Amino acid sequence: MRRMPPEIRLQDPLMAAAREMATRLGRDTALPPALLQWTAPLFATETVEWQRLREAACWMSDIGSHDHPEFRAEQAFLRVLRQPGIGLDHQARAFLALALALRYEVDADATFLSPARTLLDAQAVARAEVLGAALRLAYTLSAGTRALLAGTQLRVQGGRLTLMLRENSGVFAGESVIRRLDRLAQTMGLDAVAEADVAYSGK
């Protein structure tokens, strides 16, 4: 490592691995930074380390895009859980693997999730469930594109989770969006609302 250029030595190993996976297995490397900002309102009190893991999850969030739909959740889970490299401990690896499996809407009781659940405490499991559900909603809204995601925004206030939709953005609250919004709100113990953001639309 001492022989490596400074720009390599200064990289966070986890983030370098996450970006490499996004480049190799995902569809749009411009989307993860937008996902990081989009999910931020859900984690207002997170620590620096939790934010680091959330950022890594956003970068890894599309690594199952080329897999068969029936196996995406399990394949994404195993890729993250077993990936070689450094920069994270067993608990962090389990957290990311669980969040990514839930992003692909796996059955929460799926047998293959048990190694991750065994390694995590209740708080970490809850965070993984919220992040996984949020990423699932984001991809449903945006079809994996930054332009469509930019037409939406999440707000948490007064016991309510609100999905704001900019008018004429091409995004609408169809049945699948409402179902996944409700799922995210339920995971957080909140009520869910989807509404047009008049101010956001410029009117």
N, C-alpha and C. Protein backbone atom coordinates (compact mmCIF):
# COMPACT_ATOMS: atom_id res chain seq x y z
N MET A 1 0.82 -1.20 0.00
CA MET A 1 0.00 0.00 0.00
C MET A 1 0.86 1.26 0.00
N ARG A 2 2.03 1.22 0.67
CA ARG A 2 2.90 2.39 0.70
C ARG A 2 3.40 2.77 -0.69
N ARG A 3 3.38 1.85 -1.61
CA ARG A 3 3.83 2.11 -2.98
C ARG A 3 2.73 2.72 -3.86
N MET A 4 1.52 2.75 -3.33
CA MET A 4 0.39 3.26 -4.10
C MET A 4 0.42 4.79 -4.14
N PRO A 5 -0.15 5.38 -5.19
CA PRO A 5 -0.25 6.85 -5.26
C PRO A 5 -1.09 7.38 -4.11
N PRO A 6 -0.85 8.62 -3.67
CA PRO A 6 -1.60 9.19 -2.55
C PRO A 6 -3.12 9.14 -2.75
N GLU A 7 -3.59 9.37 -3.98
CA GLU A 7 -5.03 9.39 -4.20
C GLU A 7 -5.65 8.01 -3.96
N ILE A 8 -4.87 6.96 -4.12
CA ILE A 8 -5.36 5.61 -3.83
C ILE A 8 -5.32 5.34 -2.33
N ARG A 9 -4.23 5.72 -1.68
CA ARG A 9 -4.07 5.46 -0.25
C ARG A 9 -5.09 6.21 0.59
N LEU A 10 -5.57 7.33 0.09
CA LEU A 10 -6.51 8.15 0.86
C LEU A 10 -7.96 7.70 0.70
N GLN A 11 -8.22 6.77 -0.19
CA GLN A 11 -9.59 6.32 -0.42
C GLN A 11 -10.12 5.50 0.76
N ASP A 12 -11.41 5.65 1.04
CA ASP A 12 -12.10 4.80 2.00
C ASP A 12 -12.30 3.44 1.32
N PRO A 13 -11.76 2.35 1.87
CA PRO A 13 -11.88 1.05 1.20
C PRO A 13 -13.32 0.62 0.94
N LEU A 14 -14.21 0.89 1.89
CA LEU A 14 -15.60 0.52 1.70
C LEU A 14 -16.22 1.28 0.54
N MET A 15 -16.00 2.60 0.50
CA MET A 15 -16.61 3.39 -0.56
C MET A 15 -16.00 3.05 -1.92
N ALA A 16 -14.71 2.76 -1.94
CA ALA A 16 -14.07 2.36 -3.20
C ALA A 16 -14.69 1.07 -3.71
N ALA A 17 -14.92 0.11 -2.81
CA ALA A 17 -15.54 -1.16 -3.21
C ALA A 17 -16.98 -0.94 -3.66
N ALA A 18 -17.72 -0.09 -2.95
CA ALA A 18 -19.11 0.17 -3.31
C ALA A 18 -19.22 0.83 -4.68
N ARG A 19 -18.36 1.77 -4.95
CA ARG A 19 -18.39 2.44 -6.26
C ARG A 19 -17.97 1.49 -7.37
N GLU A 20 -17.02 0.62 -7.08
CA GLU A 20 -16.60 -0.36 -8.09
C GLU A 20 -17.74 -1.29 -8.43
N MET A 21 -18.48 -1.74 -7.42
CA MET A 21 -19.63 -2.61 -7.65
C MET A 21 -20.72 -1.88 -8.45
N ALA A 22 -20.93 -0.62 -8.15
CA ALA A 22 -21.94 0.16 -8.87
C ALA A 22 -21.56 0.30 -10.33
N THR A 23 -20.29 0.54 -10.59
CA THR A 23 -19.81 0.70 -11.97
C THR A 23 -19.93 -0.61 -12.74
N ARG A 24 -19.61 -1.71 -12.08
CA ARG A 24 -19.57 -3.00 -12.75
C ARG A 24 -20.93 -3.65 -12.87
N LEU A 25 -21.80 -3.47 -11.87
CA LEU A 25 -23.05 -4.22 -11.82
C LEU A 25 -24.30 -3.36 -11.93
N GLY A 26 -24.18 -2.05 -11.73
CA GLY A 26 -25.34 -1.18 -11.77
C GLY A 26 -25.60 -0.61 -13.14
N ARG A 27 -26.52 0.36 -13.21
CA ARG A 27 -26.90 0.95 -14.49
C ARG A 27 -26.53 2.41 -14.63
N ASP A 28 -26.55 3.16 -13.53
CA ASP A 28 -26.33 4.61 -13.62
C ASP A 28 -25.56 5.08 -12.39
N THR A 29 -24.30 5.39 -12.55
CA THR A 29 -23.48 5.81 -11.41
C THR A 29 -23.77 7.24 -10.97
N ALA A 30 -24.64 7.95 -11.69
CA ALA A 30 -25.06 9.29 -11.26
C ALA A 30 -26.18 9.22 -10.22
N LEU A 31 -26.83 8.06 -10.09
CA LEU A 31 -27.97 7.96 -9.19
C LEU A 31 -27.60 7.84 -7.71
N PRO A 32 -26.58 7.07 -7.31
CA PRO A 32 -26.30 6.89 -5.88
C PRO A 32 -26.15 8.18 -5.08
N PRO A 33 -25.43 9.21 -5.55
CA PRO A 33 -25.38 10.45 -4.75
C PRO A 33 -26.75 11.08 -4.56
N ALA A 34 -27.62 10.96 -5.58
CA ALA A 34 -28.97 11.49 -5.45
C ALA A 34 -29.78 10.68 -4.43
N LEU A 35 -29.56 9.37 -4.39
CA LEU A 35 -30.23 8.52 -3.40
C LEU A 35 -29.80 8.88 -1.99
N LEU A 36 -28.52 9.18 -1.83
CA LEU A 36 -28.01 9.56 -0.51
C LEU A 36 -28.73 10.81 -0.01
N GLN A 37 -28.90 11.79 -0.86
CA GLN A 37 -29.60 13.02 -0.48
C GLN A 37 -31.09 12.77 -0.27
N TRP A 38 -31.68 11.92 -1.12
CA TRP A 38 -33.12 11.66 -1.08
C TRP A 38 -33.53 10.93 0.20
N THR A 39 -32.68 10.03 0.68
CA THR A 39 -33.00 9.26 1.88
C THR A 39 -32.63 9.99 3.17
N ALA A 40 -31.90 11.09 3.09
CA ALA A 40 -31.42 11.79 4.28
C ALA A 40 -32.53 12.18 5.26
N PRO A 41 -33.71 12.67 4.81
CA PRO A 41 -34.74 13.06 5.77
C PRO A 41 -35.21 11.92 6.67
N LEU A 42 -34.96 10.69 6.29
CA LEU A 42 -35.40 9.54 7.09
C LEU A 42 -34.44 9.23 8.23
N PHE A 43 -33.26 9.84 8.20
CA PHE A 43 -32.21 9.51 9.17
C PHE A 43 -31.61 10.79 9.74
N ALA A 44 -32.45 11.62 10.30
CA ALA A 44 -32.03 12.96 10.73
C ALA A 44 -31.00 12.94 11.85
N THR A 45 -30.97 11.87 12.65
CA THR A 45 -30.07 11.85 13.81
C THR A 45 -28.95 10.83 13.66
N GLU A 46 -28.63 10.42 12.44
CA GLU A 46 -27.62 9.37 12.26
C GLU A 46 -26.21 9.89 12.57
N THR A 47 -25.35 8.99 12.98
CA THR A 47 -23.95 9.31 13.23
C THR A 47 -23.17 9.31 11.91
N VAL A 48 -21.93 9.74 11.97
CA VAL A 48 -21.08 9.74 10.78
C VAL A 48 -20.92 8.33 10.23
N GLU A 49 -20.75 7.36 11.11
CA GLU A 49 -20.56 5.97 10.66
C GLU A 49 -21.83 5.41 10.02
N TRP A 50 -23.00 5.74 10.58
CA TRP A 50 -24.24 5.28 9.96
C TRP A 50 -24.43 5.94 8.59
N GLN A 51 -24.05 7.19 8.47
CA GLN A 51 -24.16 7.87 7.17
C GLN A 51 -23.23 7.21 6.15
N ARG A 52 -22.05 6.82 6.60
CA ARG A 52 -21.11 6.12 5.72
C ARG A 52 -21.71 4.82 5.18
N LEU A 53 -22.36 4.08 6.06
CA LEU A 53 -22.99 2.83 5.63
C LEU A 53 -24.18 3.10 4.71
N ARG A 54 -24.94 4.15 5.00
CA ARG A 54 -26.06 4.49 4.11
C ARG A 54 -25.55 4.89 2.73
N GLU A 55 -24.45 5.63 2.69
CA GLU A 55 -23.88 6.00 1.40
C GLU A 55 -23.42 4.77 0.63
N ALA A 56 -22.77 3.84 1.32
CA ALA A 56 -22.33 2.61 0.66
C ALA A 56 -23.53 1.83 0.12
N ALA A 57 -24.61 1.77 0.90
CA ALA A 57 -25.81 1.07 0.45
C ALA A 57 -26.40 1.72 -0.79
N CYS A 58 -26.39 3.05 -0.83
CA CYS A 58 -26.90 3.76 -2.02
C CYS A 58 -26.07 3.40 -3.25
N TRP A 59 -24.75 3.32 -3.09
CA TRP A 59 -23.90 2.95 -4.22
C TRP A 59 -24.14 1.51 -4.67
N MET A 60 -24.42 0.64 -3.72
CA MET A 60 -24.63 -0.78 -4.04
C MET A 60 -26.06 -1.11 -4.44
N SER A 61 -26.95 -0.14 -4.40
CA SER A 61 -28.38 -0.41 -4.46
C SER A 61 -28.90 -0.96 -5.77
N ASP A 62 -28.09 -0.98 -6.82
CA ASP A 62 -28.56 -1.49 -8.11
C ASP A 62 -27.74 -2.69 -8.59
N ILE A 63 -27.03 -3.35 -7.67
CA ILE A 63 -26.12 -4.41 -8.09
C ILE A 63 -26.83 -5.68 -8.53
N GLY A 64 -28.15 -5.75 -8.33
CA GLY A 64 -28.89 -6.92 -8.81
C GLY A 64 -29.62 -6.66 -10.11
N SER A 65 -29.34 -5.53 -10.75
CA SER A 65 -30.13 -5.13 -11.93
C SER A 65 -30.04 -6.11 -13.08
N HIS A 66 -28.95 -6.85 -13.20
CA HIS A 66 -28.78 -7.76 -14.32
C HIS A 66 -29.11 -9.21 -13.96
N ASP A 67 -29.56 -9.45 -12.73
CA ASP A 67 -29.94 -10.79 -12.30
C ASP A 67 -31.40 -11.06 -12.62
N HIS A 68 -31.77 -12.33 -12.62
CA HIS A 68 -33.17 -12.70 -12.82
C HIS A 68 -33.99 -12.14 -11.66
N PRO A 69 -35.16 -11.55 -11.94
CA PRO A 69 -35.96 -10.92 -10.87
C PRO A 69 -36.24 -11.82 -9.68
N GLU A 70 -36.40 -13.11 -9.90
CA GLU A 70 -36.72 -14.01 -8.79
C GLU A 70 -35.55 -14.20 -7.83
N PHE A 71 -34.34 -13.91 -8.30
CA PHE A 71 -33.16 -14.19 -7.49
C PHE A 71 -32.36 -12.93 -7.12
N ARG A 72 -32.86 -11.76 -7.50
CA ARG A 72 -32.10 -10.53 -7.25
C ARG A 72 -31.82 -10.30 -5.77
N ALA A 73 -32.81 -10.48 -4.94
CA ALA A 73 -32.62 -10.21 -3.50
C ALA A 73 -31.54 -11.10 -2.91
N GLU A 74 -31.61 -12.39 -3.20
CA GLU A 74 -30.63 -13.32 -2.63
C GLU A 74 -29.25 -13.09 -3.21
N GLN A 75 -29.16 -12.85 -4.51
CA GLN A 75 -27.86 -12.62 -5.14
C GLN A 75 -27.21 -11.35 -4.60
N ALA A 76 -27.99 -10.28 -4.46
CA ALA A 76 -27.45 -9.03 -3.92
C ALA A 76 -26.99 -9.23 -2.49
N PHE A 77 -27.79 -9.94 -1.70
CA PHE A 77 -27.46 -10.22 -0.31
C PHE A 77 -26.12 -10.95 -0.21
N LEU A 78 -25.96 -12.01 -1.00
CA LEU A 78 -24.75 -12.82 -0.91
C LEU A 78 -23.53 -12.08 -1.45
N ARG A 79 -23.72 -11.27 -2.49
CA ARG A 79 -22.59 -10.50 -3.01
C ARG A 79 -22.01 -9.58 -1.94
N VAL A 80 -22.88 -8.90 -1.23
CA VAL A 80 -22.43 -7.95 -0.22
C VAL A 80 -21.89 -8.69 1.01
N LEU A 81 -22.58 -9.73 1.43
CA LEU A 81 -22.16 -10.45 2.63
C LEU A 81 -20.80 -11.12 2.44
N ARG A 82 -20.52 -11.58 1.22
CA ARG A 82 -19.31 -12.36 0.98
C ARG A 82 -18.24 -11.62 0.19
N GLN A 83 -18.45 -10.36 -0.12
CA GLN A 83 -17.48 -9.66 -0.94
C GLN A 83 -16.12 -9.59 -0.25
N PRO A 84 -15.05 -9.79 -1.00
CA PRO A 84 -13.72 -9.66 -0.41
C PRO A 84 -13.40 -8.19 -0.18
N GLY A 85 -12.43 -7.93 0.65
CA GLY A 85 -12.02 -6.55 0.87
C GLY A 85 -12.02 -6.18 2.33
N ILE A 86 -11.67 -4.93 2.59
CA ILE A 86 -11.56 -4.44 3.96
C ILE A 86 -12.42 -3.19 4.10
N GLY A 87 -12.41 -2.61 5.29
CA GLY A 87 -13.11 -1.35 5.48
C GLY A 87 -14.41 -1.48 6.23
N LEU A 88 -14.81 -2.72 6.61
CA LEU A 88 -16.03 -2.89 7.37
C LEU A 88 -15.95 -4.18 8.17
N ASP A 89 -16.61 -4.17 9.32
CA ASP A 89 -16.62 -5.35 10.16
C ASP A 89 -17.80 -6.24 9.80
N HIS A 90 -17.97 -7.33 10.55
CA HIS A 90 -19.04 -8.28 10.22
C HIS A 90 -20.42 -7.65 10.35
N GLN A 91 -20.59 -6.82 11.37
CA GLN A 91 -21.89 -6.19 11.57
C GLN A 91 -22.23 -5.23 10.44
N ALA A 92 -21.25 -4.44 10.00
CA ALA A 92 -21.49 -3.51 8.89
C ALA A 92 -21.81 -4.27 7.61
N ARG A 93 -21.09 -5.35 7.38
CA ARG A 93 -21.34 -6.17 6.20
C ARG A 93 -22.75 -6.77 6.25
N ALA A 94 -23.15 -7.25 7.42
CA ALA A 94 -24.49 -7.82 7.58
C ALA A 94 -25.57 -6.75 7.38
N PHE A 95 -25.33 -5.54 7.89
CA PHE A 95 -26.28 -4.44 7.73
C PHE A 95 -26.50 -4.13 6.24
N LEU A 96 -25.41 -3.99 5.51
CA LEU A 96 -25.51 -3.66 4.09
C LEU A 96 -26.20 -4.78 3.31
N ALA A 97 -25.84 -6.02 3.61
CA ALA A 97 -26.45 -7.15 2.91
C ALA A 97 -27.95 -7.20 3.16
N LEU A 98 -28.37 -6.98 4.42
CA LEU A 98 -29.79 -7.01 4.74
C LEU A 98 -30.53 -5.86 4.06
N ALA A 99 -29.96 -4.66 4.11
CA ALA A 99 -30.61 -3.50 3.47
C ALA A 99 -30.78 -3.72 1.97
N LEU A 100 -29.77 -4.31 1.33
CA LEU A 100 -29.85 -4.54 -0.12
C LEU A 100 -30.86 -5.61 -0.47
N ALA A 101 -30.95 -6.66 0.35
CA ALA A 101 -31.97 -7.68 0.10
C ALA A 101 -33.37 -7.09 0.24
N LEU A 102 -33.57 -6.25 1.24
CA LEU A 102 -34.87 -5.62 1.44
C LEU A 102 -35.16 -4.59 0.36
N ARG A 103 -34.14 -3.98 -0.20
CA ARG A 103 -34.34 -3.08 -1.34
C ARG A 103 -35.00 -3.83 -2.50
N TYR A 104 -34.69 -5.11 -2.63
CA TYR A 104 -35.30 -5.94 -3.68
C TYR A 104 -36.57 -6.63 -3.18
N GLU A 105 -37.11 -6.15 -2.07
CA GLU A 105 -38.41 -6.56 -1.53
C GLU A 105 -38.47 -8.05 -1.22
N VAL A 106 -37.44 -8.54 -0.58
CA VAL A 106 -37.43 -9.94 -0.16
C VAL A 106 -38.42 -10.15 0.97
N ASP A 107 -38.90 -11.36 1.11
CA ASP A 107 -39.72 -11.72 2.26
C ASP A 107 -38.86 -11.55 3.51
N ALA A 108 -39.34 -10.79 4.47
CA ALA A 108 -38.55 -10.49 5.66
C ALA A 108 -38.16 -11.73 6.45
N ASP A 109 -38.90 -12.82 6.25
CA ASP A 109 -38.61 -14.07 6.96
C ASP A 109 -37.80 -15.05 6.12
N ALA A 110 -37.25 -14.61 5.00
CA ALA A 110 -36.48 -15.51 4.13
C ALA A 110 -35.33 -16.15 4.91
N THR A 111 -35.15 -17.45 4.71
CA THR A 111 -34.15 -18.20 5.47
C THR A 111 -32.74 -17.67 5.26
N PHE A 112 -32.42 -17.25 4.04
CA PHE A 112 -31.04 -16.83 3.75
C PHE A 112 -30.64 -15.55 4.48
N LEU A 113 -31.62 -14.83 5.04
CA LEU A 113 -31.30 -13.61 5.78
C LEU A 113 -30.81 -13.87 7.20
N SER A 114 -30.97 -15.08 7.68
CA SER A 114 -30.69 -15.37 9.09
C SER A 114 -29.27 -15.04 9.53
N PRO A 115 -28.21 -15.25 8.70
CA PRO A 115 -26.86 -14.87 9.17
C PRO A 115 -26.75 -13.38 9.49
N ALA A 116 -27.38 -12.53 8.68
CA ALA A 116 -27.32 -11.09 8.92
C ALA A 116 -28.10 -10.72 10.18
N ARG A 117 -29.27 -11.28 10.33
CA ARG A 117 -30.09 -10.96 11.50
C ARG A 117 -29.42 -11.41 12.79
N THR A 118 -28.68 -12.50 12.73
CA THR A 118 -27.98 -13.00 13.91
C THR A 118 -26.89 -12.04 14.36
N LEU A 119 -26.25 -11.37 13.39
CA LEU A 119 -25.13 -10.49 13.70
C LEU A 119 -25.55 -9.09 14.15
N LEU A 120 -26.82 -8.73 13.92
CA LEU A 120 -27.25 -7.35 14.14
C LEU A 120 -28.16 -7.23 15.36
N ASP A 121 -28.05 -6.09 16.04
CA ASP A 121 -28.99 -5.81 17.13
C ASP A 121 -30.27 -5.22 16.55
N ALA A 122 -31.26 -5.01 17.41
CA ALA A 122 -32.57 -4.57 16.95
C ALA A 122 -32.52 -3.21 16.26
N GLN A 123 -31.67 -2.31 16.76
CA GLN A 123 -31.56 -0.98 16.15
C GLN A 123 -31.01 -1.07 14.74
N ALA A 124 -29.99 -1.89 14.53
CA ALA A 124 -29.40 -2.02 13.20
C ALA A 124 -30.37 -2.68 12.23
N VAL A 125 -31.11 -3.68 12.70
CA VAL A 125 -32.11 -4.31 11.84
C VAL A 125 -33.17 -3.30 11.43
N ALA A 126 -33.61 -2.49 12.37
CA ALA A 126 -34.63 -1.47 12.07
C ALA A 126 -34.11 -0.48 11.04
N ARG A 127 -32.86 -0.05 11.17
CA ARG A 127 -32.28 0.87 10.20
C ARG A 127 -32.19 0.22 8.82
N ALA A 128 -31.78 -1.03 8.78
CA ALA A 128 -31.69 -1.74 7.50
C ALA A 128 -33.07 -1.87 6.85
N GLU A 129 -34.09 -2.10 7.65
CA GLU A 129 -35.44 -2.23 7.11
C GLU A 129 -35.93 -0.91 6.53
N VAL A 130 -35.66 0.19 7.24
CA VAL A 130 -36.07 1.51 6.73
C VAL A 130 -35.32 1.85 5.46
N LEU A 131 -34.00 1.64 5.46
CA LEU A 131 -33.21 1.98 4.28
C LEU A 131 -33.59 1.10 3.10
N GLY A 132 -33.77 -0.19 3.32
CA GLY A 132 -34.16 -1.07 2.23
C GLY A 132 -35.50 -0.68 1.63
N ALA A 133 -36.48 -0.37 2.49
CA ALA A 133 -37.80 0.04 2.00
C ALA A 133 -37.73 1.37 1.26
N ALA A 134 -36.89 2.29 1.74
CA ALA A 134 -36.74 3.59 1.08
C ALA A 134 -36.12 3.44 -0.30
N LEU A 135 -35.10 2.61 -0.41
CA LEU A 135 -34.47 2.39 -1.71
C LEU A 135 -35.43 1.71 -2.68
N ARG A 136 -36.23 0.80 -2.18
CA ARG A 136 -37.23 0.16 -3.03
C ARG A 136 -38.22 1.19 -3.56
N LEU A 137 -38.68 2.08 -2.70
CA LEU A 137 -39.59 3.14 -3.14
C LEU A 137 -38.92 4.05 -4.15
N ALA A 138 -37.67 4.41 -3.90
CA ALA A 138 -36.95 5.30 -4.81
C ALA A 138 -36.85 4.72 -6.21
N TYR A 139 -36.54 3.44 -6.30
CA TYR A 139 -36.42 2.82 -7.63
C TYR A 139 -37.77 2.63 -8.30
N THR A 140 -38.82 2.42 -7.52
CA THR A 140 -40.16 2.34 -8.09
C THR A 140 -40.57 3.68 -8.68
N LEU A 141 -40.26 4.76 -7.97
CA LEU A 141 -40.59 6.10 -8.45
C LEU A 141 -39.79 6.49 -9.68
N SER A 142 -38.51 6.15 -9.67
CA SER A 142 -37.58 6.71 -10.66
C SER A 142 -37.20 5.79 -11.79
N ALA A 143 -37.54 4.50 -11.67
CA ALA A 143 -37.09 3.50 -12.65
C ALA A 143 -35.57 3.53 -12.79
N GLY A 144 -34.90 3.90 -11.71
CA GLY A 144 -33.44 3.92 -11.72
C GLY A 144 -32.82 5.11 -12.42
N THR A 145 -33.57 6.21 -12.58
CA THR A 145 -33.05 7.38 -13.26
C THR A 145 -33.03 8.59 -12.32
N ARG A 146 -31.96 9.36 -12.37
CA ARG A 146 -31.83 10.52 -11.50
C ARG A 146 -32.86 11.59 -11.84
N ALA A 147 -33.19 11.75 -13.13
CA ALA A 147 -34.12 12.81 -13.54
C ALA A 147 -35.49 12.62 -12.92
N LEU A 148 -36.00 11.39 -12.90
CA LEU A 148 -37.32 11.15 -12.30
C LEU A 148 -37.27 11.26 -10.78
N LEU A 149 -36.21 10.78 -10.18
CA LEU A 149 -36.10 10.89 -8.72
C LEU A 149 -36.09 12.35 -8.29
N ALA A 150 -35.52 13.22 -9.11
CA ALA A 150 -35.45 14.65 -8.78
C ALA A 150 -36.83 15.29 -8.70
N GLY A 151 -37.84 14.63 -9.25
CA GLY A 151 -39.20 15.14 -9.18
C GLY A 151 -39.94 14.74 -7.92
N THR A 152 -39.23 14.13 -6.97
CA THR A 152 -39.85 13.67 -5.73
C THR A 152 -39.03 14.09 -4.52
N GLN A 153 -39.66 14.05 -3.38
CA GLN A 153 -38.98 14.43 -2.14
C GLN A 153 -39.72 13.81 -0.96
N LEU A 154 -38.98 13.38 0.06
CA LEU A 154 -39.58 12.84 1.28
C LEU A 154 -39.48 13.86 2.40
N ARG A 155 -40.53 13.90 3.22
CA ARG A 155 -40.53 14.75 4.41
C ARG A 155 -41.07 13.95 5.58
N VAL A 156 -40.47 14.13 6.74
CA VAL A 156 -40.94 13.50 7.97
C VAL A 156 -41.26 14.61 8.96
N GLN A 157 -42.53 14.68 9.36
CA GLN A 157 -42.95 15.76 10.26
C GLN A 157 -44.24 15.37 10.95
N GLY A 158 -44.27 15.58 12.26
CA GLY A 158 -45.50 15.38 13.00
C GLY A 158 -46.08 13.98 12.89
N GLY A 159 -45.26 12.97 12.94
CA GLY A 159 -45.77 11.60 12.87
C GLY A 159 -46.24 11.18 11.50
N ARG A 160 -45.82 11.92 10.48
CA ARG A 160 -46.28 11.62 9.13
C ARG A 160 -45.11 11.61 8.15
N LEU A 161 -45.12 10.65 7.26
CA LEU A 161 -44.17 10.58 6.17
C LEU A 161 -44.88 11.03 4.90
N THR A 162 -44.39 12.10 4.30
CA THR A 162 -45.03 12.65 3.11
C THR A 162 -44.12 12.50 1.91
N LEU A 163 -44.68 11.97 0.84
CA LEU A 163 -43.99 11.90 -0.44
C LEU A 163 -44.48 13.05 -1.29
N MET A 164 -43.60 14.00 -1.57
CA MET A 164 -43.94 15.16 -2.39
C MET A 164 -43.62 14.84 -3.86
N LEU A 165 -44.57 15.11 -4.73
CA LEU A 165 -44.41 14.84 -6.16
C LEU A 165 -44.52 16.15 -6.93
N ARG A 166 -43.47 16.50 -7.64
CA ARG A 166 -43.48 17.72 -8.43
C ARG A 166 -44.38 17.54 -9.65
N GLU A 167 -45.24 18.48 -9.88
CA GLU A 167 -46.13 18.41 -11.03
C GLU A 167 -45.34 18.47 -12.34
N ASN A 168 -45.83 17.71 -13.32
CA ASN A 168 -45.23 17.66 -14.66
C ASN A 168 -43.80 17.11 -14.64
N SER A 169 -43.50 16.30 -13.63
CA SER A 169 -42.16 15.71 -13.56
C SER A 169 -42.11 14.33 -14.18
N GLY A 170 -43.28 13.80 -14.54
CA GLY A 170 -43.33 12.45 -15.10
C GLY A 170 -43.49 11.37 -14.04
N VAL A 171 -43.56 11.75 -12.76
CA VAL A 171 -43.70 10.79 -11.67
C VAL A 171 -45.12 10.89 -11.11
N PHE A 172 -45.74 9.75 -10.87
CA PHE A 172 -47.08 9.76 -10.30
C PHE A 172 -47.20 8.66 -9.26
N ALA A 173 -48.17 8.84 -8.36
CA ALA A 173 -48.35 7.91 -7.25
C ALA A 173 -49.31 6.80 -7.65
N GLY A 174 -48.80 5.84 -8.42
CA GLY A 174 -49.60 4.69 -8.80
C GLY A 174 -49.72 3.69 -7.66
N GLU A 175 -50.36 2.57 -7.94
CA GLU A 175 -50.62 1.58 -6.91
C GLU A 175 -49.33 1.05 -6.28
N SER A 176 -48.33 0.76 -7.10
CA SER A 176 -47.09 0.21 -6.56
C SER A 176 -46.34 1.23 -5.71
N VAL A 177 -46.41 2.51 -6.11
CA VAL A 177 -45.77 3.57 -5.32
C VAL A 177 -46.45 3.70 -3.97
N ILE A 178 -47.77 3.74 -3.95
CA ILE A 178 -48.51 3.88 -2.70
C ILE A 178 -48.25 2.68 -1.79
N ARG A 179 -48.21 1.50 -2.37
CA ARG A 179 -47.96 0.31 -1.56
C ARG A 179 -46.59 0.37 -0.89
N ARG A 180 -45.60 0.80 -1.63
CA ARG A 180 -44.24 0.84 -1.07
C ARG A 180 -44.04 2.05 -0.16
N LEU A 181 -44.74 3.13 -0.42
CA LEU A 181 -44.72 4.26 0.52
C LEU A 181 -45.34 3.84 1.85
N ASP A 182 -46.47 3.14 1.78
CA ASP A 182 -47.12 2.66 3.01
C ASP A 182 -46.20 1.71 3.76
N ARG A 183 -45.49 0.87 3.03
CA ARG A 183 -44.58 -0.07 3.67
C ARG A 183 -43.45 0.66 4.39
N LEU A 184 -42.89 1.68 3.75
CA LEU A 184 -41.83 2.47 4.37
C LEU A 184 -42.35 3.17 5.61
N ALA A 185 -43.52 3.79 5.51
CA ALA A 185 -44.10 4.49 6.66
C ALA A 185 -44.38 3.53 7.81
N GLN A 186 -44.90 2.36 7.49
CA GLN A 186 -45.17 1.35 8.52
C GLN A 186 -43.89 0.94 9.22
N THR A 187 -42.82 0.78 8.46
CA THR A 187 -41.53 0.40 9.04
C THR A 187 -41.04 1.46 10.02
N MET A 188 -41.37 2.73 9.76
CA MET A 188 -40.95 3.83 10.62
C MET A 188 -41.96 4.17 11.71
N GLY A 189 -43.12 3.51 11.70
CA GLY A 189 -44.15 3.82 12.67
C GLY A 189 -44.85 5.14 12.40
N LEU A 190 -44.97 5.50 11.11
CA LEU A 190 -45.57 6.77 10.71
C LEU A 190 -46.77 6.54 9.81
N ASP A 191 -47.58 7.60 9.62
CA ASP A 191 -48.65 7.59 8.63
C ASP A 191 -48.07 8.08 7.30
N ALA A 192 -48.62 7.57 6.21
CA ALA A 192 -48.09 7.92 4.87
C ALA A 192 -49.06 8.80 4.10
N VAL A 193 -48.51 9.79 3.42
CA VAL A 193 -49.29 10.69 2.57
C VAL A 193 -48.50 10.96 1.30
N ALA A 194 -49.16 10.95 0.17
CA ALA A 194 -48.55 11.37 -1.10
C ALA A 194 -49.32 12.57 -1.61
N GLU A 195 -48.61 13.64 -1.95
CA GLU A 195 -49.29 14.84 -2.42
C GLU A 195 -48.42 15.62 -3.38
N ALA A 196 -49.10 16.43 -4.22
CA ALA A 196 -48.39 17.30 -5.14
C ALA A 196 -47.75 18.43 -4.36
N ASP A 197 -46.52 18.74 -4.69
CA ASP A 197 -45.80 19.83 -4.02
C ASP A 197 -45.95 21.08 -4.89
N VAL A 198 -46.90 21.95 -4.52
CA VAL A 198 -47.18 23.13 -5.33
C VAL A 198 -45.98 24.07 -5.37
N ALA A 199 -45.35 24.27 -4.22
CA ALA A 199 -44.18 25.14 -4.17
C ALA A 199 -43.05 24.57 -5.00
N TYR A 200 -42.89 23.25 -4.92
CA TYR A 200 -41.82 22.57 -5.65
C TYR A 200 -42.04 22.66 -7.15
N SER A 201 -43.34 22.75 -7.56
CA SER A 201 -43.64 22.81 -8.99
C SER A 201 -43.47 24.21 -9.56
N GLY A 202 -43.26 25.16 -8.67
CA GLY A 202 -43.04 26.53 -9.13
C GLY A 202 -44.31 27.34 -9.23
N LYS A 203 -45.44 26.81 -8.79
CA LYS A 203 -46.71 27.53 -8.86
C LYS A 203 -46.98 28.29 -7.58
